[in-house]
Amino acid sequence: MDKVFIRGLEVEGIIGIFKWEREVRQIISVDIEMDFDNKKAAKSDSIEDALNYKLVGKRITSFIKNSKFQLVETLAENISKIILKEFPVTTVKVTLSKPGALRGSDSVGISITRP
């Protein structure tokens, strides 16, 4: 299966379990990989036949900006549900990371794959 991806989408949102995390917006970095058959789009050269990654990015950005989850696990699960429900993909892999969340590391996070 072909893959359509978005890497390094940075969105400010409320995420975390500590009191201070509930009061400030943090950068959440998002990588999304979606299984999508690109043959029709390649043949037609038409965006109507392609998976419009701009629309996916806008939808997920809006969702994160308006969410207030405590766990990245919950946020990732909800992002995967949105993509699978609203876009014609068969499988989605969502990776979320919080840059600077752990002293001495670039970032921490999780990655999930959902059919």
PDB file of N, CA and C in Angstrom:
ATOM      1  N   MET A   1       0.846  -1.186   0.000  1.00  0.00           N
ATOM      2  CA  MET A   1       0.000   0.000   0.000  1.00  0.00           C
ATOM      3  C   MET A   1       0.887   1.243   0.000  1.00  0.00           C
ATOM      4  N   ASP A   2       0.414   2.253  -0.703  1.00  0.00           N
ATOM      5  CA  ASP A   2       1.130   3.523  -0.741  1.00  0.00           C
ATOM      6  C   ASP A   2       0.989   4.240   0.595  1.00  0.00           C
ATOM      7  N   LYS A   3       1.913   5.136   0.857  1.00  0.00           N
ATOM      8  CA  LYS A   3       1.907   5.910   2.097  1.00  0.00           C
ATOM      9  C   LYS A   3       1.851   7.400   1.759  1.00  0.00           C
ATOM     10  N   VAL A   4       0.982   8.103   2.446  1.00  0.00           N
ATOM     11  CA  VAL A   4       0.946   9.559   2.395  1.00  0.00           C
ATOM     12  C   VAL A   4       1.297  10.015   3.797  1.00  0.00           C
ATOM     13  N   PHE A   5       2.221  10.964   3.909  1.00  0.00           N
ATOM     14  CA  PHE A   5       2.655  11.327   5.258  1.00  0.00           C
ATOM     15  C   PHE A   5       2.744  12.828   5.474  1.00  0.00           C
ATOM     16  N   ILE A   6       2.653  13.178   6.739  1.00  0.00           N
ATOM     17  CA  ILE A   6       2.904  14.532   7.233  1.00  0.00           C
ATOM     18  C   ILE A   6       3.933  14.348   8.346  1.00  0.00           C
ATOM     19  N   ARG A   7       5.031  15.074   8.268  1.00  0.00           N
ATOM     20  CA  ARG A   7       6.070  14.948   9.291  1.00  0.00           C
ATOM     21  C   ARG A   7       6.357  16.305   9.919  1.00  0.00           C
ATOM     22  N   GLY A   8       6.505  16.286  11.236  1.00  0.00           N
ATOM     23  CA  GLY A   8       6.926  17.482  11.947  1.00  0.00           C
ATOM     24  C   GLY A   8       5.898  18.597  12.002  1.00  0.00           C
ATOM     25  N   LEU A   9       4.620  18.246  11.974  1.00  0.00           N
ATOM     26  CA  LEU A   9       3.567  19.253  12.126  1.00  0.00           C
ATOM     27  C   LEU A   9       3.581  19.722  13.574  1.00  0.00           C
ATOM     28  N   GLU A  10       3.888  20.979  13.795  1.00  0.00           N
ATOM     29  CA  GLU A  10       3.977  21.503  15.158  1.00  0.00           C
ATOM     30  C   GLU A  10       2.744  22.337  15.471  1.00  0.00           C
ATOM     31  N   VAL A  11       2.086  21.960  16.582  1.00  0.00           N
ATOM     32  CA  VAL A  11       0.846  22.615  16.987  1.00  0.00           C
ATOM     33  C   VAL A  11       0.947  22.943  18.476  1.00  0.00           C
ATOM     34  N   GLU A  12       0.495  24.126  18.855  1.00  0.00           N
ATOM     35  CA  GLU A  12       0.454  24.469  20.272  1.00  0.00           C
ATOM     36  C   GLU A  12      -0.853  23.974  20.869  1.00  0.00           C
ATOM     37  N   GLY A  13      -0.751  23.278  21.992  1.00  0.00           N
ATOM     38  CA  GLY A  13      -1.950  22.747  22.630  1.00  0.00           C
ATOM     39  C   GLY A  13      -1.739  22.520  24.112  1.00  0.00           C
ATOM     40  N   ILE A  14      -2.829  22.236  24.796  1.00  0.00           N
ATOM     41  CA  ILE A  14      -2.793  21.896  26.216  1.00  0.00           C
ATOM     42  C   ILE A  14      -2.647  20.380  26.313  1.00  0.00           C
ATOM     43  N   ILE A  15      -1.565  19.941  26.933  1.00  0.00           N
ATOM     44  CA  ILE A  15      -1.330  18.509  27.106  1.00  0.00           C
ATOM     45  C   ILE A  15      -0.452  18.312  28.342  1.00  0.00           C
ATOM     46  N   GLY A  16      -0.802  17.349  29.156  1.00  0.00           N
ATOM     47  CA  GLY A  16       0.033  17.049  30.306  1.00  0.00           C
ATOM     48  C   GLY A  16      -0.756  16.838  31.577  1.00  0.00           C
ATOM     49  N   ILE A  17      -0.079  16.275  32.573  1.00  0.00           N
ATOM     50  CA  ILE A  17      -0.738  15.918  33.832  1.00  0.00           C
ATOM     51  C   ILE A  17      -0.436  16.895  34.961  1.00  0.00           C
ATOM     52  N   PHE A  18       0.594  17.719  34.787  1.00  0.00           N
ATOM     53  CA  PHE A  18       0.963  18.640  35.858  1.00  0.00           C
ATOM     54  C   PHE A  18       0.166  19.935  35.773  1.00  0.00           C
ATOM     55  N   LYS A  19       0.000  20.572  36.916  1.00  0.00           N
ATOM     56  CA  LYS A  19      -0.805  21.796  36.982  1.00  0.00           C
ATOM     57  C   LYS A  19      -0.321  22.849  35.980  1.00  0.00           C
ATOM     58  N   TRP A  20       0.979  23.056  35.929  1.00  0.00           N
ATOM     59  CA  TRP A  20       1.504  24.072  35.012  1.00  0.00           C
ATOM     60  C   TRP A  20       1.217  23.719  33.551  1.00  0.00           C
ATOM     61  N   GLU A  21       1.168  22.412  33.239  1.00  0.00           N
ATOM     62  CA  GLU A  21       0.875  21.986  31.864  1.00  0.00           C
ATOM     63  C   GLU A  21      -0.576  22.258  31.479  1.00  0.00           C
ATOM     64  N   ARG A  22      -1.429  22.374  32.457  1.00  0.00           N
ATOM     65  CA  ARG A  22      -2.841  22.650  32.190  1.00  0.00           C
ATOM     66  C   ARG A  22      -3.077  24.143  31.961  1.00  0.00           C
ATOM     67  N   GLU A  23      -2.042  24.955  32.244  1.00  0.00           N
ATOM     68  CA  GLU A  23      -2.182  26.410  32.171  1.00  0.00           C
ATOM     69  C   GLU A  23      -1.439  27.049  30.999  1.00  0.00           C
ATOM     70  N   VAL A  24      -0.557  26.312  30.358  1.00  0.00           N
ATOM     71  CA  VAL A  24       0.218  26.872  29.235  1.00  0.00           C
ATOM     72  C   VAL A  24       0.097  25.968  28.017  1.00  0.00           C
ATOM     73  N   ARG A  25       0.228  26.586  26.876  1.00  0.00           N
ATOM     74  CA  ARG A  25       0.211  25.824  25.635  1.00  0.00           C
ATOM     75  C   ARG A  25       1.636  25.366  25.333  1.00  0.00           C
ATOM     76  N   GLN A  26       1.760  24.103  24.962  1.00  0.00           N
ATOM     77  CA  GLN A  26       3.053  23.520  24.629  1.00  0.00           C
ATOM     78  C   GLN A  26       3.073  23.101  23.167  1.00  0.00           C
ATOM     79  N   ILE A  27       4.254  23.007  22.620  1.00  0.00           N
ATOM     80  CA  ILE A  27       4.394  22.492  21.262  1.00  0.00           C
ATOM     81  C   ILE A  27       4.214  20.974  21.295  1.00  0.00           C
ATOM     82  N   ILE A  28       3.362  20.500  20.417  1.00  0.00           N
ATOM     83  CA  ILE A  28       3.166  19.069  20.207  1.00  0.00           C
ATOM     84  C   ILE A  28       3.560  18.812  18.758  1.00  0.00           C
ATOM     85  N   SER A  29       4.497  17.920  18.556  1.00  0.00           N
ATOM     86  CA  SER A  29       4.951  17.596  17.215  1.00  0.00           C
ATOM     87  C   SER A  29       4.235  16.329  16.742  1.00  0.00           C
ATOM     88  N   VAL A  30       3.697  16.392  15.536  1.00  0.00           N
ATOM     89  CA  VAL A  30       2.859  15.305  15.019  1.00  0.00           C
ATOM     90  C   VAL A  30       3.424  14.782  13.706  1.00  0.00           C
ATOM     91  N   ASP A  31       3.557  13.458  13.631  1.00  0.00           N
ATOM     92  CA  ASP A  31       3.864  12.770  12.379  1.00  0.00           C
ATOM     93  C   ASP A  31       2.694  11.848  12.083  1.00  0.00           C
ATOM     94  N   ILE A  32       2.231  11.883  10.851  1.00  0.00           N
ATOM     95  CA  ILE A  32       1.099  11.046  10.442  1.00  0.00           C
ATOM     96  C   ILE A  32       1.492  10.307   9.165  1.00  0.00           C
ATOM     97  N   GLU A  33       1.262   9.004   9.157  1.00  0.00           N
ATOM     98  CA  GLU A  33       1.489   8.192   7.964  1.00  0.00           C
ATOM     99  C   GLU A  33       0.207   7.436   7.666  1.00  0.00           C
ATOM    100  N   MET A  34      -0.310   7.603   6.445  1.00  0.00           N
ATOM    101  CA  MET A  34      -1.611   7.029   6.081  1.00  0.00           C
ATOM    102  C   MET A  34      -1.480   6.111   4.872  1.00  0.00           C
ATOM    103  N   ASP A  35      -2.105   4.938   4.955  1.00  0.00           N
ATOM    104  CA  ASP A  35      -2.166   4.036   3.811  1.00  0.00           C
ATOM    105  C   ASP A  35      -3.263   4.515   2.875  1.00  0.00           C
ATOM    106  N   PHE A  36      -2.877   4.746   1.618  1.00  0.00           N
ATOM    107  CA  PHE A  36      -3.820   5.254   0.622  1.00  0.00           C
ATOM    108  C   PHE A  36      -3.337   4.824  -0.755  1.00  0.00           C
ATOM    109  N   ASP A  37      -4.245   4.309  -1.555  1.00  0.00           N
ATOM    110  CA  ASP A  37      -3.908   3.875  -2.901  1.00  0.00           C
ATOM    111  C   ASP A  37      -3.825   5.100  -3.820  1.00  0.00           C
ATOM    112  N   ASN A  38      -2.620   5.427  -4.251  1.00  0.00           N
ATOM    113  CA  ASN A  38      -2.385   6.626  -5.059  1.00  0.00           C
ATOM    114  C   ASN A  38      -2.465   6.399  -6.571  1.00  0.00           C
ATOM    115  N   LYS A  39      -2.808   5.187  -7.005  1.00  0.00           N
ATOM    116  CA  LYS A  39      -2.790   4.894  -8.440  1.00  0.00           C
ATOM    117  C   LYS A  39      -3.744   5.781  -9.240  1.00  0.00           C
ATOM    118  N   LYS A  40      -4.946   5.966  -8.736  1.00  0.00           N
ATOM    119  CA  LYS A  40      -5.931   6.779  -9.464  1.00  0.00           C
ATOM    120  C   LYS A  40      -5.463   8.229  -9.580  1.00  0.00           C
ATOM    121  N   ALA A  41      -4.938   8.772  -8.513  1.00  0.00           N
ATOM    122  CA  ALA A  41      -4.450  10.151  -8.538  1.00  0.00           C
ATOM    123  C   ALA A  41      -3.253  10.290  -9.480  1.00  0.00           C
ATOM    124  N   ALA A  42      -2.373   9.302  -9.466  1.00  0.00           N
ATOM    125  CA  ALA A  42      -1.202   9.350 -10.344  1.00  0.00           C
ATOM    126  C   ALA A  42      -1.619   9.336 -11.811  1.00  0.00           C
ATOM    127  N   LYS A  43      -2.665   8.586 -12.104  1.00  0.00           N
ATOM    128  CA  LYS A  43      -3.141   8.497 -13.487  1.00  0.00           C
ATOM    129  C   LYS A  43      -3.876   9.763 -13.918  1.00  0.00           C
ATOM    130  N   SER A  44      -4.738  10.301 -13.049  1.00  0.00           N
ATOM    131  CA  SER A  44      -5.569  11.448 -13.420  1.00  0.00           C
ATOM    132  C   SER A  44      -4.861  12.791 -13.232  1.00  0.00           C
ATOM    133  N   ASP A  45      -3.865  12.832 -12.350  1.00  0.00           N
ATOM    134  CA  ASP A  45      -3.180  14.076 -12.001  1.00  0.00           C
ATOM    135  C   ASP A  45      -4.162  15.105 -11.433  1.00  0.00           C
ATOM    136  N   SER A  46      -5.150  14.594 -10.687  1.00  0.00           N
ATOM    137  CA  SER A  46      -6.203  15.436 -10.134  1.00  0.00           C
ATOM    138  C   SER A  46      -6.244  15.311  -8.608  1.00  0.00           C
ATOM    139  N   ILE A  47      -6.315  16.446  -7.924  1.00  0.00           N
ATOM    140  CA  ILE A  47      -6.371  16.437  -6.459  1.00  0.00           C
ATOM    141  C   ILE A  47      -7.631  15.737  -5.948  1.00  0.00           C
ATOM    142  N   GLU A  48      -8.673  15.713  -6.739  1.00  0.00           N
ATOM    143  CA  GLU A  48      -9.902  15.037  -6.322  1.00  0.00           C
ATOM    144  C   GLU A  48      -9.692  13.533  -6.127  1.00  0.00           C
ATOM    145  N   ASP A  49      -8.687  12.975  -6.774  1.00  0.00           N
ATOM    146  CA  ASP A  49      -8.401  11.553  -6.655  1.00  0.00           C
ATOM    147  C   ASP A  49      -7.293  11.253  -5.646  1.00  0.00           C
ATOM    148  N   ALA A  50      -6.732  12.298  -5.065  1.00  0.00           N
ATOM    149  CA  ALA A  50      -5.624  12.137  -4.126  1.00  0.00           C
ATOM    150  C   ALA A  50      -6.113  12.294  -2.687  1.00  0.00           C
ATOM    151  N   LEU A  51      -5.301  11.877  -1.760  1.00  0.00           N
ATOM    152  CA  LEU A  51      -5.543  12.154  -0.350  1.00  0.00           C
ATOM    153  C   LEU A  51      -4.971  13.544  -0.091  1.00  0.00           C
ATOM    154  N   ASN A  52      -5.824  14.484   0.202  1.00  0.00           N
ATOM    155  CA  ASN A  52      -5.411  15.874   0.366  1.00  0.00           C
ATOM    156  C   ASN A  52      -4.793  16.063   1.753  1.00  0.00           C
ATOM    157  N   TYR A  53      -3.477  15.977   1.813  1.00  0.00           N
ATOM    158  CA  TYR A  53      -2.784  16.073   3.097  1.00  0.00           C
ATOM    159  C   TYR A  53      -2.932  17.451   3.737  1.00  0.00           C
ATOM    160  N   LYS A  54      -3.196  18.479   2.921  1.00  0.00           N
ATOM    161  CA  LYS A  54      -3.432  19.811   3.492  1.00  0.00           C
ATOM    162  C   LYS A  54      -4.697  19.804   4.342  1.00  0.00           C
ATOM    163  N   LEU A  55      -5.745  19.153   3.849  1.00  0.00           N
ATOM    164  CA  LEU A  55      -6.990  19.061   4.632  1.00  0.00           C
ATOM    165  C   LEU A  55      -6.797  18.233   5.896  1.00  0.00           C
ATOM    166  N   VAL A  56      -6.025  17.161   5.794  1.00  0.00           N
ATOM    167  CA  VAL A  56      -5.731  16.346   6.977  1.00  0.00           C
ATOM    168  C   VAL A  56      -4.998  17.205   8.005  1.00  0.00           C
ATOM    169  N   GLY A  57      -3.974  17.917   7.568  1.00  0.00           N
ATOM    170  CA  GLY A  57      -3.191  18.761   8.470  1.00  0.00           C
ATOM    171  C   GLY A  57      -4.022  19.841   9.142  1.00  0.00           C
ATOM    172  N   LYS A  58      -4.885  20.494   8.368  1.00  0.00           N
ATOM    173  CA  LYS A  58      -5.746  21.537   8.945  1.00  0.00           C
ATOM    174  C   LYS A  58      -6.714  20.964   9.971  1.00  0.00           C
ATOM    175  N   ARG A  59      -7.272  19.795   9.679  1.00  0.00           N
ATOM    176  CA  ARG A  59      -8.236  19.171  10.595  1.00  0.00           C
ATOM    177  C   ARG A  59      -7.565  18.784  11.905  1.00  0.00           C
ATOM    178  N   ILE A  60      -6.394  18.201  11.818  1.00  0.00           N
ATOM    179  CA  ILE A  60      -5.693  17.753  13.016  1.00  0.00           C
ATOM    180  C   ILE A  60      -5.159  18.951  13.807  1.00  0.00           C
ATOM    181  N   THR A  61      -4.673  19.973  13.118  1.00  0.00           N
ATOM    182  CA  THR A  61      -4.221  21.190  13.800  1.00  0.00           C
ATOM    183  C   THR A  61      -5.359  21.808  14.600  1.00  0.00           C
ATOM    184  N   SER A  62      -6.508  21.934  13.993  1.00  0.00           N
ATOM    185  CA  SER A  62      -7.671  22.506  14.681  1.00  0.00           C
ATOM    186  C   SER A  62      -8.068  21.664  15.891  1.00  0.00           C
ATOM    187  N   PHE A  63      -8.057  20.348  15.718  1.00  0.00           N
ATOM    188  CA  PHE A  63      -8.424  19.457  16.818  1.00  0.00           C
ATOM    189  C   PHE A  63      -7.471  19.621  18.000  1.00  0.00           C
ATOM    190  N   ILE A  64      -6.177  19.628  17.727  1.00  0.00           N
ATOM    191  CA  ILE A  64      -5.195  19.745  18.813  1.00  0.00           C
ATOM    192  C   ILE A  64      -5.314  21.091  19.516  1.00  0.00           C
ATOM    193  N   LYS A  65      -5.476  22.157  18.755  1.00  0.00           N
ATOM    194  CA  LYS A  65      -5.585  23.496  19.357  1.00  0.00           C
ATOM    195  C   LYS A  65      -6.770  23.593  20.309  1.00  0.00           C
ATOM    196  N   ASN A  66      -7.817  22.823  20.051  1.00  0.00           N
ATOM    197  CA  ASN A  66      -9.030  22.892  20.864  1.00  0.00           C
ATOM    198  C   ASN A  66      -9.153  21.761  21.882  1.00  0.00           C
ATOM    199  N   SER A  67      -8.139  20.913  21.972  1.00  0.00           N
ATOM    200  CA  SER A  67      -8.200  19.793  22.910  1.00  0.00           C
ATOM    201  C   SER A  67      -7.451  20.121  24.199  1.00  0.00           C
ATOM    202  N   LYS A  68      -7.749  19.355  25.244  1.00  0.00           N
ATOM    203  CA  LYS A  68      -7.088  19.549  26.537  1.00  0.00           C
ATOM    204  C   LYS A  68      -6.884  18.199  27.229  1.00  0.00           C
ATOM    205  N   PHE A  69      -6.292  17.269  26.508  1.00  0.00           N
ATOM    206  CA  PHE A  69      -6.046  15.950  27.070  1.00  0.00           C
ATOM    207  C   PHE A  69      -4.869  15.987  28.036  1.00  0.00           C
ATOM    208  N   GLN A  70      -4.872  15.059  28.964  1.00  0.00           N
ATOM    209  CA  GLN A  70      -3.743  14.927  29.875  1.00  0.00           C
ATOM    210  C   GLN A  70      -2.637  14.073  29.263  1.00  0.00           C
ATOM    211  N   LEU A  71      -3.023  13.023  28.541  1.00  0.00           N
ATOM    212  CA  LEU A  71      -2.054  12.059  28.021  1.00  0.00           C
ATOM    213  C   LEU A  71      -1.899  12.148  26.504  1.00  0.00           C
ATOM    214  N   VAL A  72      -0.649  12.010  26.033  1.00  0.00           N
ATOM    215  CA  VAL A  72      -0.429  11.950  24.587  1.00  0.00           C
ATOM    216  C   VAL A  72      -1.073  10.692  24.007  1.00  0.00           C
ATOM    217  N   GLU A  73      -1.201   9.647  24.824  1.00  0.00           N
ATOM    218  CA  GLU A  73      -1.856   8.421  24.368  1.00  0.00           C
ATOM    219  C   GLU A  73      -3.304   8.682  23.954  1.00  0.00           C
ATOM    220  N   THR A  74      -4.001   9.473  24.759  1.00  0.00           N
ATOM    221  CA  THR A  74      -5.400   9.802  24.466  1.00  0.00           C
ATOM    222  C   THR A  74      -5.498  10.689  23.231  1.00  0.00           C
ATOM    223  N   LEU A  75      -4.617  11.660  23.132  1.00  0.00           N
ATOM    224  CA  LEU A  75      -4.615  12.549  21.969  1.00  0.00           C
ATOM    225  C   LEU A  75      -4.337  11.761  20.698  1.00  0.00           C
ATOM    226  N   ALA A  76      -3.348  10.886  20.716  1.00  0.00           N
ATOM    227  CA  ALA A  76      -3.011  10.084  19.533  1.00  0.00           C
ATOM    228  C   ALA A  76      -4.181   9.198  19.108  1.00  0.00           C
ATOM    229  N   GLU A  77      -4.828   8.579  20.074  1.00  0.00           N
ATOM    230  CA  GLU A  77      -5.970   7.711  19.768  1.00  0.00           C
ATOM    231  C   GLU A  77      -7.093   8.499  19.094  1.00  0.00           C
ATOM    232  N   ASN A  78      -7.372   9.680  19.607  1.00  0.00           N
ATOM    233  CA  ASN A  78      -8.429  10.512  19.029  1.00  0.00           C
ATOM    234  C   ASN A  78      -8.065  11.028  17.642  1.00  0.00           C
ATOM    235  N   ILE A  79      -6.801  11.368  17.425  1.00  0.00           N
ATOM    236  CA  ILE A  79      -6.358  11.787  16.094  1.00  0.00           C
ATOM    237  C   ILE A  79      -6.536  10.644  15.102  1.00  0.00           C
ATOM    238  N   SER A  80      -6.155   9.430  15.493  1.00  0.00           N
ATOM    239  CA  SER A  80      -6.297   8.294  14.580  1.00  0.00           C
ATOM    240  C   SER A  80      -7.763   8.043  14.238  1.00  0.00           C
ATOM    241  N   LYS A  81      -8.649   8.177  15.214  1.00  0.00           N
ATOM    242  CA  LYS A  81     -10.080   7.981  14.962  1.00  0.00           C
ATOM    243  C   LYS A  81     -10.622   9.008  13.971  1.00  0.00           C
ATOM    244  N   ILE A  82     -10.217  10.259  14.120  1.00  0.00           N
ATOM    245  CA  ILE A  82     -10.659  11.316  13.203  1.00  0.00           C
ATOM    246  C   ILE A  82     -10.217  11.012  11.779  1.00  0.00           C
ATOM    247  N   ILE A  83      -8.954  10.667  11.622  1.00  0.00           N
ATOM    248  CA  ILE A  83      -8.429  10.418  10.277  1.00  0.00           C
ATOM    249  C   ILE A  83      -9.120   9.226   9.626  1.00  0.00           C
ATOM    250  N   LEU A  84      -9.288   8.145  10.373  1.00  0.00           N
ATOM    251  CA  LEU A  84      -9.937   6.958   9.817  1.00  0.00           C
ATOM    252  C   LEU A  84     -11.407   7.195   9.486  1.00  0.00           C
ATOM    253  N   LYS A  85     -12.063   8.056  10.247  1.00  0.00           N
ATOM    254  CA  LYS A  85     -13.483   8.334  10.019  1.00  0.00           C
ATOM    255  C   LYS A  85     -13.711   9.345   8.893  1.00  0.00           C
ATOM    256  N   GLU A  86     -12.860  10.352   8.811  1.00  0.00           N
ATOM    257  CA  GLU A  86     -13.123  11.476   7.912  1.00  0.00           C
ATOM    258  C   GLU A  86     -12.356  11.441   6.596  1.00  0.00           C
ATOM    259  N   PHE A  87     -11.374  10.564   6.482  1.00  0.00           N
ATOM    260  CA  PHE A  87     -10.564  10.520   5.260  1.00  0.00           C
ATOM    261  C   PHE A  87     -10.480   9.080   4.746  1.00  0.00           C
ATOM    262  N   PRO A  88     -10.341   8.905   3.440  1.00  0.00           N
ATOM    263  CA  PRO A  88     -10.377   7.563   2.844  1.00  0.00           C
ATOM    264  C   PRO A  88      -9.058   6.803   2.967  1.00  0.00           C
ATOM    265  N   VAL A  89      -8.659   6.534   4.196  1.00  0.00           N
ATOM    266  CA  VAL A  89      -7.427   5.779   4.430  1.00  0.00           C
ATOM    267  C   VAL A  89      -7.772   4.452   5.088  1.00  0.00           C
ATOM    268  N   THR A  90      -6.906   3.464   4.890  1.00  0.00           N
ATOM    269  CA  THR A  90      -7.174   2.143   5.458  1.00  0.00           C
ATOM    270  C   THR A  90      -6.462   1.925   6.787  1.00  0.00           C
ATOM    271  N   THR A  91      -5.313   2.557   6.949  1.00  0.00           N
ATOM    272  CA  THR A  91      -4.532   2.447   8.174  1.00  0.00           C
ATOM    273  C   THR A  91      -3.850   3.781   8.421  1.00  0.00           C
ATOM    274  N   VAL A  92      -3.681   4.119   9.691  1.00  0.00           N
ATOM    275  CA  VAL A  92      -2.987   5.358  10.029  1.00  0.00           C
ATOM    276  C   VAL A  92      -1.991   5.091  11.152  1.00  0.00           C
ATOM    277  N   LYS A  93      -0.836   5.704  11.021  1.00  0.00           N
ATOM    278  CA  LYS A  93       0.166   5.678  12.085  1.00  0.00           C
ATOM    279  C   LYS A  93       0.330   7.117  12.571  1.00  0.00           C
ATOM    280  N   VAL A  94       0.144   7.319  13.867  1.00  0.00           N
ATOM    281  CA  VAL A  94       0.255   8.647  14.462  1.00  0.00           C
ATOM    282  C   VAL A  94       1.389   8.630  15.484  1.00  0.00           C
ATOM    283  N   THR A  95       2.320   9.545  15.327  1.00  0.00           N
ATOM    284  CA  THR A  95       3.408   9.698  16.280  1.00  0.00           C
ATOM    285  C   THR A  95       3.324  11.103  16.863  1.00  0.00           C
ATOM    286  N   LEU A  96       3.259  11.174  18.188  1.00  0.00           N
ATOM    287  CA  LEU A  96       3.215  12.460  18.875  1.00  0.00           C
ATOM    288  C   LEU A  96       4.442  12.586  19.751  1.00  0.00           C
ATOM    289  N   SER A  97       5.006  13.771  19.782  1.00  0.00           N
ATOM    290  CA  SER A  97       6.120  14.009  20.694  1.00  0.00           C
ATOM    291  C   SER A  97       6.002  15.392  21.307  1.00  0.00           C
ATOM    292  N   LYS A  98       6.547  15.474  22.510  1.00  0.00           N
ATOM    293  CA  LYS A  98       6.593  16.729  23.248  1.00  0.00           C
ATOM    294  C   LYS A  98       8.059  17.141  23.363  1.00  0.00           C
ATOM    295  N   PRO A  99       8.496  18.071  22.508  1.00  0.00           N
ATOM    296  CA  PRO A  99       9.891  18.519  22.571  1.00  0.00           C
ATOM    297  C   PRO A  99      10.199  19.146  23.939  1.00  0.00           C
ATOM    298  N   GLY A 100      11.347  18.773  24.480  1.00  0.00           N
ATOM    299  CA  GLY A 100      11.792  19.365  25.733  1.00  0.00           C
ATOM    300  C   GLY A 100      11.063  18.900  26.979  1.00  0.00           C
ATOM    301  N   ALA A 101      10.244  17.877  26.874  1.00  0.00           N
ATOM    302  CA  ALA A 101       9.460  17.428  28.031  1.00  0.00           C
ATOM    303  C   ALA A 101      10.305  16.685  29.062  1.00  0.00           C
ATOM    304  N   LEU A 102      11.411  16.132  28.644  1.00  0.00           N
ATOM    305  CA  LEU A 102      12.283  15.391  29.557  1.00  0.00           C
ATOM    306  C   LEU A 102      13.691  15.962  29.441  1.00  0.00           C
ATOM    307  N   ARG A 103      14.181  16.470  30.552  1.00  0.00           N
ATOM    308  CA  ARG A 103      15.514  17.079  30.561  1.00  0.00           C
ATOM    309  C   ARG A 103      16.538  16.103  30.011  1.00  0.00           C
ATOM    310  N   GLY A 104      17.353  16.591  29.103  1.00  0.00           N
ATOM    311  CA  GLY A 104      18.397  15.766  28.512  1.00  0.00           C
ATOM    312  C   GLY A 104      17.984  15.052  27.240  1.00  0.00           C
ATOM    313  N   SER A 105      16.714  15.180  26.851  1.00  0.00           N
ATOM    314  CA  SER A 105      16.249  14.534  25.617  1.00  0.00           C
ATOM    315  C   SER A 105      15.721  15.586  24.638  1.00  0.00           C
ATOM    316  N   ASP A 106      15.700  15.224  23.362  1.00  0.00           N
ATOM    317  CA  ASP A 106      15.107  16.120  22.374  1.00  0.00           C
ATOM    318  C   ASP A 106      13.596  16.178  22.550  1.00  0.00           C
ATOM    319  N   SER A 107      13.004  14.998  22.755  1.00  0.00           N
ATOM    320  CA  SER A 107      11.553  14.930  22.932  1.00  0.00           C
ATOM    321  C   SER A 107      11.178  13.554  23.462  1.00  0.00           C
ATOM    322  N   VAL A 108       9.945  13.456  23.929  1.00  0.00           N
ATOM    323  CA  VAL A 108       9.374  12.183  24.346  1.00  0.00           C
ATOM    324  C   VAL A 108       8.015  12.056  23.673  1.00  0.00           C
ATOM    325  N   GLY A 109       7.517  10.825  23.545  1.00  0.00           N
ATOM    326  CA  GLY A 109       6.226  10.674  22.912  1.00  0.00           C
ATOM    327  C   GLY A 109       5.863   9.233  22.685  1.00  0.00           C
ATOM    328  N   ILE A 110       4.899   9.045  21.792  1.00  0.00           N
ATOM    329  CA  ILE A 110       4.414   7.705  21.475  1.00  0.00           C
ATOM    330  C   ILE A 110       4.104   7.597  19.993  1.00  0.00           C
ATOM    331  N   SER A 111       3.950   6.370  19.545  1.00  0.00           N
ATOM    332  CA  SER A 111       3.555   6.099  18.170  1.00  0.00           C
ATOM    333  C   SER A 111       2.533   4.964  18.204  1.00  0.00           C
ATOM    334  N   ILE A 112       1.409   5.158  17.499  1.00  0.00           N
ATOM    335  CA  ILE A 112       0.376   4.121  17.421  1.00  0.00           C
ATOM    336  C   ILE A 112       0.018   3.884  15.964  1.00  0.00           C
ATOM    337  N   THR A 113      -0.411   2.680  15.662  1.00  0.00           N
ATOM    338  CA  THR A 113      -0.912   2.320  14.328  1.00  0.00           C
ATOM    339  C   THR A 113      -2.295   1.729  14.506  1.00  0.00           C
ATOM    340  N   ARG A 114      -3.240   2.239  13.724  1.00  0.00           N
ATOM    341  CA  ARG A 114      -4.619   1.756  13.804  1.00  0.00           C
ATOM    342  C   ARG A 114      -5.157   1.440  12.406  1.00  0.00           C
ATOM    343  N   PRO A 115      -5.820   0.265  12.299  1.00  0.00           N
ATOM    344  CA  PRO A 115      -6.441  -0.097  11.005  1.00  0.00           C
ATOM    345  C   PRO A 115      -7.813   0.557  10.873  1.00  0.00           C
TER     346      PRO A 115
END
